[in-house]
Amino acid sequence: METREEKNVKWVLIVSLIMFFVLKWWYFLDSSFPYTVFDIWFFIYLINILSVILTITFAALNKTGFWDAEVTYQLAIFFFVVSMALFFVAQLQIVSTVVY
């Protein structure tokens, strides 16, 4: 029987994989590289993608049993929260584009 932490990591891994492909599709929908200037939105996008990749990495390490289970669990949850927060902040770009 799976513990609560194992179930959490499994769903974090699933959601992060889906989010990675959605972010890739979302930001590169119109062109190969949508940013012509390196503004704050570019850096938010870059940090978001890196935090999603780190979430996937640490969740996979936790599921396979490599490294310390508690450390990989804490890191996976931390980077998942960071990626979700940055995903929310990135939506402000869409709202500001629609409003202005």
C-alpha atoms as a PDB file:
ATOM      1  CA  MET A   1       0.000   0.000   0.000  1.00  0.00           C
ATOM      2  CA  GLU A   2       1.301   3.442  -0.950  1.00  0.00           C
ATOM      3  CA  THR A   3       1.962   6.020   1.738  1.00  0.00           C
ATOM      4  CA  ARG A   4       0.648   9.545   1.514  1.00  0.00           C
ATOM      5  CA  GLU A   5       4.022  10.888   0.398  1.00  0.00           C
ATOM      6  CA  GLU A   6       4.282   8.335  -2.409  1.00  0.00           C
ATOM      7  CA  LYS A   7       0.815   9.268  -3.667  1.00  0.00           C
ATOM      8  CA  ASN A   8       1.701  12.977  -3.498  1.00  0.00           C
ATOM      9  CA  VAL A   9       4.901  12.483  -5.470  1.00  0.00           C
ATOM     10  CA  LYS A  10       3.114  10.375  -8.055  1.00  0.00           C
ATOM     11  CA  TRP A  11       0.542  13.114  -8.703  1.00  0.00           C
ATOM     12  CA  VAL A  12       3.179  15.844  -8.622  1.00  0.00           C
ATOM     13  CA  LEU A  13       5.081  13.919 -11.289  1.00  0.00           C
ATOM     14  CA  ILE A  14       1.985  13.451 -13.457  1.00  0.00           C
ATOM     15  CA  VAL A  15       0.873  17.083 -13.192  1.00  0.00           C
ATOM     16  CA  SER A  16       4.409  18.356 -13.822  1.00  0.00           C
ATOM     17  CA  LEU A  17       4.817  16.258 -16.959  1.00  0.00           C
ATOM     18  CA  ILE A  18       1.503  17.538 -18.304  1.00  0.00           C
ATOM     19  CA  MET A  19       2.431  21.097 -17.349  1.00  0.00           C
ATOM     20  CA  PHE A  20       5.816  20.811 -19.075  1.00  0.00           C
ATOM     21  CA  PHE A  21       4.231  19.879 -22.400  1.00  0.00           C
ATOM     22  CA  VAL A  22       1.473  22.468 -21.998  1.00  0.00           C
ATOM     23  CA  LEU A  23       4.017  25.200 -21.259  1.00  0.00           C
ATOM     24  CA  LYS A  24       6.133  24.159 -24.210  1.00  0.00           C
ATOM     25  CA  TRP A  25       3.092  24.231 -26.488  1.00  0.00           C
ATOM     26  CA  TRP A  26       1.710  27.437 -24.961  1.00  0.00           C
ATOM     27  CA  TYR A  27       4.814  29.589 -25.268  1.00  0.00           C
ATOM     28  CA  PHE A  28       5.998  28.315 -28.631  1.00  0.00           C
ATOM     29  CA  LEU A  29       2.576  28.263 -30.304  1.00  0.00           C
ATOM     30  CA  ASP A  30       3.033  31.226 -32.635  1.00  0.00           C
ATOM     31  CA  SER A  31       6.729  31.043 -33.406  1.00  0.00           C
ATOM     32  CA  SER A  32       9.846  29.140 -32.560  1.00  0.00           C
ATOM     33  CA  PHE A  33      10.924  31.773 -30.024  1.00  0.00           C
ATOM     34  CA  PRO A  34       8.202  34.249 -29.028  1.00  0.00           C
ATOM     35  CA  TYR A  35      10.374  36.672 -27.087  1.00  0.00           C
ATOM     36  CA  THR A  36      12.207  39.357 -29.013  1.00  0.00           C
ATOM     37  CA  VAL A  37      13.346  41.171 -25.894  1.00  0.00           C
ATOM     38  CA  PHE A  38      14.500  39.646 -22.668  1.00  0.00           C
ATOM     39  CA  ASP A  39      11.992  41.230 -20.333  1.00  0.00           C
ATOM     40  CA  ILE A  40      10.548  40.100 -17.012  1.00  0.00           C
ATOM     41  CA  TRP A  41       8.126  37.674 -18.734  1.00  0.00           C
ATOM     42  CA  PHE A  42      10.993  35.877 -20.405  1.00  0.00           C
ATOM     43  CA  PHE A  43      12.750  35.309 -17.090  1.00  0.00           C
ATOM     44  CA  ILE A  44       9.513  34.179 -15.428  1.00  0.00           C
ATOM     45  CA  TYR A  45       9.007  31.691 -18.261  1.00  0.00           C
ATOM     46  CA  LEU A  46      12.618  30.488 -18.029  1.00  0.00           C
ATOM     47  CA  ILE A  47      12.508  29.991 -14.257  1.00  0.00           C
ATOM     48  CA  ASN A  48       9.119  28.289 -14.589  1.00  0.00           C
ATOM     49  CA  ILE A  49      10.392  25.768 -17.137  1.00  0.00           C
ATOM     50  CA  LEU A  50      13.496  25.086 -15.036  1.00  0.00           C
ATOM     51  CA  SER A  51      11.408  24.571 -11.895  1.00  0.00           C
ATOM     52  CA  VAL A  52       9.110  22.160 -13.763  1.00  0.00           C
ATOM     53  CA  ILE A  53      12.142  20.201 -14.992  1.00  0.00           C
ATOM     54  CA  LEU A  54      13.563  20.099 -11.443  1.00  0.00           C
ATOM     55  CA  THR A  55      10.172  18.965 -10.118  1.00  0.00           C
ATOM     56  CA  ILE A  56      10.078  16.124 -12.638  1.00  0.00           C
ATOM     57  CA  THR A  57      13.668  15.183 -11.812  1.00  0.00           C
ATOM     58  CA  PHE A  58      13.238  15.071  -8.039  1.00  0.00           C
ATOM     59  CA  ALA A  59       9.845  13.338  -8.241  1.00  0.00           C
ATOM     60  CA  ALA A  60      11.327  10.680 -10.524  1.00  0.00           C
ATOM     61  CA  LEU A  61      14.300  10.247  -8.156  1.00  0.00           C
ATOM     62  CA  ASN A  62      11.882   9.830  -5.289  1.00  0.00           C
ATOM     63  CA  LYS A  63       9.728   7.275  -7.116  1.00  0.00           C
ATOM     64  CA  THR A  64      12.713   5.180  -8.167  1.00  0.00           C
ATOM     65  CA  GLY A  65      14.333   5.236  -4.738  1.00  0.00           C
ATOM     66  CA  PHE A  66      17.553   7.015  -5.638  1.00  0.00           C
ATOM     67  CA  TRP A  67      19.018   9.411  -3.115  1.00  0.00           C
ATOM     68  CA  ASP A  68      17.337  10.157   0.225  1.00  0.00           C
ATOM     69  CA  ALA A  69      13.542   9.813   0.027  1.00  0.00           C
ATOM     70  CA  GLU A  70      12.808  12.692   2.409  1.00  0.00           C
ATOM     71  CA  VAL A  71      15.120  15.126   0.605  1.00  0.00           C
ATOM     72  CA  THR A  72      13.782  14.298  -2.846  1.00  0.00           C
ATOM     73  CA  TYR A  73      10.206  14.533  -1.547  1.00  0.00           C
ATOM     74  CA  GLN A  74      10.788  17.982  -0.032  1.00  0.00           C
ATOM     75  CA  LEU A  75      12.582  19.246  -3.153  1.00  0.00           C
ATOM     76  CA  ALA A  76       9.894  17.902  -5.485  1.00  0.00           C
ATOM     77  CA  ILE A  77       7.133  19.586  -3.475  1.00  0.00           C
ATOM     78  CA  PHE A  78       9.099  22.844  -3.202  1.00  0.00           C
ATOM     79  CA  PHE A  79       9.757  23.117  -6.943  1.00  0.00           C
ATOM     80  CA  PHE A  80       6.168  22.091  -7.679  1.00  0.00           C
ATOM     81  CA  VAL A  81       4.870  24.973  -5.553  1.00  0.00           C
ATOM     82  CA  VAL A  82       7.330  27.367  -7.227  1.00  0.00           C
ATOM     83  CA  SER A  83       6.260  26.245 -10.709  1.00  0.00           C
ATOM     84  CA  MET A  84       2.565  26.608  -9.861  1.00  0.00           C
ATOM     85  CA  ALA A  85       3.136  30.096  -8.444  1.00  0.00           C
ATOM     86  CA  LEU A  86       5.088  31.156 -11.526  1.00  0.00           C
ATOM     87  CA  PHE A  87       2.423  29.652 -13.762  1.00  0.00           C
ATOM     88  CA  PHE A  88      -0.120  31.866 -11.998  1.00  0.00           C
ATOM     89  CA  VAL A  89       2.122  34.930 -12.384  1.00  0.00           C
ATOM     90  CA  ALA A  90       2.624  34.126 -16.082  1.00  0.00           C
ATOM     91  CA  GLN A  91      -1.131  34.290 -16.551  1.00  0.00           C
ATOM     92  CA  LEU A  92      -0.922  37.959 -15.584  1.00  0.00           C
ATOM     93  CA  GLN A  93       0.821  38.556 -18.906  1.00  0.00           C
ATOM     94  CA  ILE A  94      -2.258  37.289 -20.719  1.00  0.00           C
ATOM     95  CA  VAL A  95      -4.542  39.429 -18.587  1.00  0.00           C
ATOM     96  CA  SER A  96      -2.402  42.513 -19.125  1.00  0.00           C
ATOM     97  CA  THR A  97      -2.318  41.871 -22.880  1.00  0.00           C
ATOM     98  CA  VAL A  98      -6.098  41.572 -23.064  1.00  0.00           C
ATOM     99  CA  VAL A  99      -6.706  44.636 -20.898  1.00  0.00           C
ATOM    100  CA  TYR A 100      -4.242  46.917 -22.703  1.00  0.00           C
END
